[in-house]
Each structure stands twice: as C-alpha cells, then as structure tokens.
N, C-alpha and C. Protein backbone atom coordinates (compact mmCIF):
# COMPACT_ATOMS: atom_id res chain seq x y z
N MET A 1 71.07 45.88 -51.19
CA MET A 1 69.74 45.59 -51.67
C MET A 1 68.76 46.52 -50.96
N TYR A 2 68.05 47.25 -51.75
CA TYR A 2 67.24 48.36 -51.29
C TYR A 2 65.96 47.97 -50.56
N TYR A 3 65.51 46.75 -50.70
CA TYR A 3 64.23 46.37 -50.12
C TYR A 3 64.35 45.74 -48.73
N LEU A 4 65.55 45.56 -48.22
CA LEU A 4 65.75 44.84 -46.96
C LEU A 4 65.00 45.47 -45.79
N LYS A 5 65.17 46.75 -45.61
CA LYS A 5 64.50 47.43 -44.50
C LYS A 5 62.99 47.38 -44.65
N ARG A 6 62.53 47.52 -45.86
CA ARG A 6 61.09 47.51 -46.09
C ARG A 6 60.50 46.14 -45.78
N LEU A 7 61.20 45.07 -46.12
CA LEU A 7 60.71 43.72 -45.80
C LEU A 7 60.54 43.56 -44.29
N LYS A 8 61.54 43.96 -43.56
CA LYS A 8 61.48 43.83 -42.10
C LYS A 8 60.43 44.75 -41.51
N ASP A 9 60.36 45.99 -41.99
CA ASP A 9 59.37 46.94 -41.48
C ASP A 9 57.94 46.45 -41.71
N LEU A 10 57.69 45.89 -42.88
CA LEU A 10 56.35 45.35 -43.17
C LEU A 10 56.02 44.22 -42.21
N ARG A 11 56.96 43.32 -42.03
CA ARG A 11 56.74 42.17 -41.14
C ARG A 11 56.46 42.62 -39.72
N THR A 12 57.30 43.51 -39.20
CA THR A 12 57.13 43.92 -37.80
C THR A 12 55.89 44.80 -37.61
N SER A 13 55.55 45.61 -38.59
CA SER A 13 54.35 46.45 -38.45
C SER A 13 53.07 45.62 -38.46
N HIS A 14 53.14 44.43 -39.05
CA HIS A 14 51.99 43.52 -39.03
C HIS A 14 52.10 42.50 -37.89
N GLN A 15 53.08 42.70 -37.04
CA GLN A 15 53.32 41.84 -35.88
C GLN A 15 53.44 40.37 -36.28
N LEU A 16 54.23 40.14 -37.32
CA LEU A 16 54.47 38.79 -37.81
C LEU A 16 55.89 38.36 -37.50
N LYS A 17 56.08 37.08 -37.43
CA LYS A 17 57.41 36.51 -37.26
C LYS A 17 57.91 36.03 -38.62
N GLN A 18 59.20 35.86 -38.73
CA GLN A 18 59.77 35.35 -39.98
C GLN A 18 59.13 34.02 -40.34
N GLN A 19 58.82 33.20 -39.35
CA GLN A 19 58.20 31.90 -39.61
C GLN A 19 56.85 32.06 -40.31
N ASN A 20 56.08 33.08 -39.93
CA ASN A 20 54.79 33.31 -40.57
C ASN A 20 54.95 33.55 -42.06
N LEU A 21 55.92 34.38 -42.42
CA LEU A 21 56.12 34.70 -43.83
C LEU A 21 56.75 33.53 -44.57
N ALA A 22 57.58 32.77 -43.90
CA ALA A 22 58.16 31.58 -44.51
C ALA A 22 57.04 30.61 -44.90
N GLU A 23 56.05 30.49 -44.05
CA GLU A 23 54.91 29.62 -44.37
C GLU A 23 54.12 30.15 -45.56
N VAL A 24 53.94 31.45 -45.64
CA VAL A 24 53.24 32.05 -46.78
C VAL A 24 54.00 31.74 -48.08
N LEU A 25 55.33 31.84 -48.01
CA LEU A 25 56.16 31.63 -49.20
C LEU A 25 56.50 30.16 -49.44
N LYS A 26 56.14 29.30 -48.48
CA LYS A 26 56.43 27.86 -48.56
C LYS A 26 57.94 27.60 -48.63
N ILE A 27 58.65 28.28 -47.73
CA ILE A 27 60.09 28.12 -47.60
C ILE A 27 60.40 27.98 -46.10
N THR A 28 61.66 27.75 -45.78
CA THR A 28 62.04 27.67 -44.37
C THR A 28 62.20 29.07 -43.78
N ARG A 29 62.13 29.16 -42.45
CA ARG A 29 62.35 30.42 -41.78
C ARG A 29 63.76 30.92 -42.04
N GLN A 30 64.70 30.00 -42.10
CA GLN A 30 66.09 30.36 -42.36
C GLN A 30 66.24 31.00 -43.74
N GLN A 31 65.54 30.46 -44.72
CA GLN A 31 65.60 31.03 -46.07
C GLN A 31 65.03 32.44 -46.07
N TYR A 32 63.90 32.63 -45.40
CA TYR A 32 63.31 33.97 -45.34
C TYR A 32 64.27 34.94 -44.65
N SER A 33 64.90 34.48 -43.59
CA SER A 33 65.86 35.31 -42.87
C SER A 33 66.98 35.78 -43.79
N LEU A 34 67.43 34.92 -44.68
CA LEU A 34 68.48 35.30 -45.63
C LEU A 34 68.02 36.42 -46.55
N TYR A 35 66.74 36.46 -46.88
CA TYR A 35 66.21 37.56 -47.69
C TYR A 35 66.26 38.87 -46.91
N GLU A 36 65.85 38.82 -45.63
CA GLU A 36 65.80 40.04 -44.82
C GLU A 36 67.18 40.62 -44.53
N VAL A 37 68.17 39.77 -44.36
CA VAL A 37 69.51 40.29 -44.03
C VAL A 37 70.35 40.55 -45.28
N GLY A 38 69.85 40.15 -46.43
CA GLY A 38 70.54 40.47 -47.67
C GLY A 38 71.55 39.46 -48.15
N THR A 39 71.59 38.31 -47.51
CA THR A 39 72.50 37.26 -47.96
C THR A 39 72.06 36.69 -49.29
N ARG A 40 70.75 36.65 -49.49
CA ARG A 40 70.18 36.18 -50.76
C ARG A 40 69.14 37.18 -51.25
N GLU A 41 69.10 37.35 -52.57
CA GLU A 41 68.07 38.20 -53.15
C GLU A 41 66.76 37.43 -53.20
N ILE A 42 65.69 38.16 -52.97
CA ILE A 42 64.38 37.53 -52.99
C ILE A 42 63.94 37.33 -54.44
N PRO A 43 63.50 36.12 -54.80
CA PRO A 43 63.03 35.88 -56.16
C PRO A 43 61.76 36.68 -56.47
N VAL A 44 61.57 36.99 -57.71
CA VAL A 44 60.42 37.79 -58.13
C VAL A 44 59.10 37.14 -57.72
N HIS A 45 59.00 35.82 -57.84
CA HIS A 45 57.73 35.18 -57.49
C HIS A 45 57.43 35.30 -55.99
N HIS A 46 58.46 35.34 -55.14
CA HIS A 46 58.23 35.57 -53.72
C HIS A 46 57.86 37.02 -53.45
N LEU A 47 58.48 37.91 -54.18
CA LEU A 47 58.16 39.34 -54.05
C LEU A 47 56.69 39.57 -54.40
N LYS A 48 56.24 38.95 -55.46
CA LYS A 48 54.84 39.07 -55.88
C LYS A 48 53.90 38.49 -54.82
N THR A 49 54.26 37.34 -54.27
CA THR A 49 53.44 36.71 -53.24
C THR A 49 53.33 37.59 -52.00
N LEU A 50 54.44 38.20 -51.59
CA LEU A 50 54.41 39.09 -50.43
C LEU A 50 53.56 40.32 -50.69
N ALA A 51 53.66 40.87 -51.89
CA ALA A 51 52.84 42.04 -52.23
C ALA A 51 51.36 41.68 -52.16
N GLN A 52 51.00 40.52 -52.65
CA GLN A 52 49.60 40.08 -52.57
C GLN A 52 49.19 39.83 -51.12
N PHE A 53 50.07 39.23 -50.35
CA PHE A 53 49.78 38.95 -48.95
C PHE A 53 49.52 40.23 -48.17
N TYR A 54 50.37 41.23 -48.37
CA TYR A 54 50.21 42.51 -47.66
C TYR A 54 49.22 43.46 -48.34
N ASN A 55 48.76 43.09 -49.53
CA ASN A 55 47.84 43.91 -50.31
C ASN A 55 48.47 45.27 -50.64
N ILE A 56 49.70 45.22 -51.13
CA ILE A 56 50.44 46.41 -51.52
C ILE A 56 51.10 46.15 -52.87
N SER A 57 51.74 47.16 -53.42
CA SER A 57 52.42 46.99 -54.70
C SER A 57 53.85 46.51 -54.50
N THR A 58 54.36 45.82 -55.49
CA THR A 58 55.77 45.43 -55.45
C THR A 58 56.66 46.67 -55.48
N ASP A 59 56.18 47.73 -56.13
CA ASP A 59 56.95 48.97 -56.17
C ASP A 59 57.18 49.52 -54.76
N TYR A 60 56.22 49.33 -53.88
CA TYR A 60 56.39 49.79 -52.50
C TYR A 60 57.49 48.98 -51.82
N ILE A 61 57.44 47.66 -51.95
CA ILE A 61 58.47 46.82 -51.34
C ILE A 61 59.85 47.18 -51.88
N LEU A 62 59.93 47.46 -53.17
CA LEU A 62 61.21 47.77 -53.81
C LEU A 62 61.63 49.23 -53.62
N GLU A 63 60.83 49.99 -52.88
CA GLU A 63 61.10 51.39 -52.59
C GLU A 63 61.16 52.26 -53.85
N ILE A 64 60.40 51.87 -54.85
CA ILE A 64 60.25 52.71 -56.05
C ILE A 64 59.26 53.82 -55.75
N THR A 65 58.31 53.50 -54.87
CA THR A 65 57.31 54.47 -54.45
C THR A 65 57.10 54.33 -52.94
N ASN A 66 56.56 55.36 -52.34
CA ASN A 66 56.19 55.28 -50.93
C ASN A 66 54.71 55.06 -50.75
N GLN A 67 54.00 54.91 -51.86
CA GLN A 67 52.56 54.62 -51.80
C GLN A 67 52.38 53.11 -51.77
N MET A 68 51.65 52.66 -50.77
CA MET A 68 51.39 51.23 -50.66
C MET A 68 50.46 50.77 -51.76
C-alpha cells in the first residue's frame, strides 16, 4: 500500500501521536495503527477526513502527486 509512509510522515511532521488522529477519525488508536502499518486499508471516508484535517489533497496522501 503506497500511502503508508506518507501517513506516518504527515503525522510525525505535525508532531502528532496516533491517538490524536484516531480521535479525529473517531476510531481507536489500534485501528489507526493498522492503517499505518498496512494491516488494513484506510477507508475513503477516513482518507478524505485526513486530507481535510491536514489541509492537503487526497492525491498527496496517495502519492499521486508531491504537491500538498
């Protein structure tokens, strides 16, 4: 899954913990962790929420573009 590194890089560059993003997505920290390590694919609605939270495009998270 191509977005794994980008998810973690975004989180760490904003000095956030997995728990912070789990709260944004209204899921458990464990569930968010599964997205970052690739055990589970992130649902589109969570992808959209993260893009809005970071004020970036979903294409950036998905590594379709390098422009935020």
